[in-house]
């Protein structure tokens, strides 16, 4: 089963990672989900696919009150990101889903009404969670044509969607990156194939290099923290992308 791990806590301000499930069916890609808690409200980042909804809901409930869930942040439109939407809305029909304006007419196929979706313009958006300001950071074409990451300046955490993702084998699936050089080889082919724009990549690297980031949290694989954040950005900046593995 998935487990919820607290990765940041300062008073009533917390970040949780709902980490990988070794018991999942092999035909499903493994995913991480993240929960931002501030005061009496929760936001769930990339809540995952319909198949894993029970595991994510159960893990969330171990440390949080699910009735405090106010919003979902969907970095893009992939089914492993957001196909569980209808089940979350069944639990709380008033949930808002923040996503790129590009997907506001696509994601309703997973559930919801026009009132469910808050469209994020291409330049980004500041999202308030019980007084906490979170910023949707543009990450277009990395890999979706409309894609956003979520930045918490207070916690210095960047939820980075598929950027930073690594497809880890059994035994290497730690919560945090422990050895960058060993870890990054599991990220290389994924980034070469799925990241489609050199210009967008360089713009993202320039933008996030200027931000204060203590943890970079991808949707697949382990979390980069401390000096490994800058190591990843530098690695990504130099990586050839938009090509299949030879």
Foldseek 3Di string as FASTA:
>chain_A
DWAKDWPDDDPQWTKIKRAWDPPDPPVDATWIKMWTTHDQAIEIEQQFALVCNVVSVVNCVVPHDLVRYAEYEFQDDDRRRDLNPAVSCVVPVRYAYEFAPVCLVPCCVSNHDNNRYDHAYQCWDWDDTPNFTKIWHFQAPQPHNGGTWIARQVRQEIEDEAQVAFRDDPPCQDQADDDLVVGCVRVQQVFQARRADLVSLQVVLVVCVPGRHQWYHYTHGYIYGDPRVVVSSVVSNPHHHNDHDD
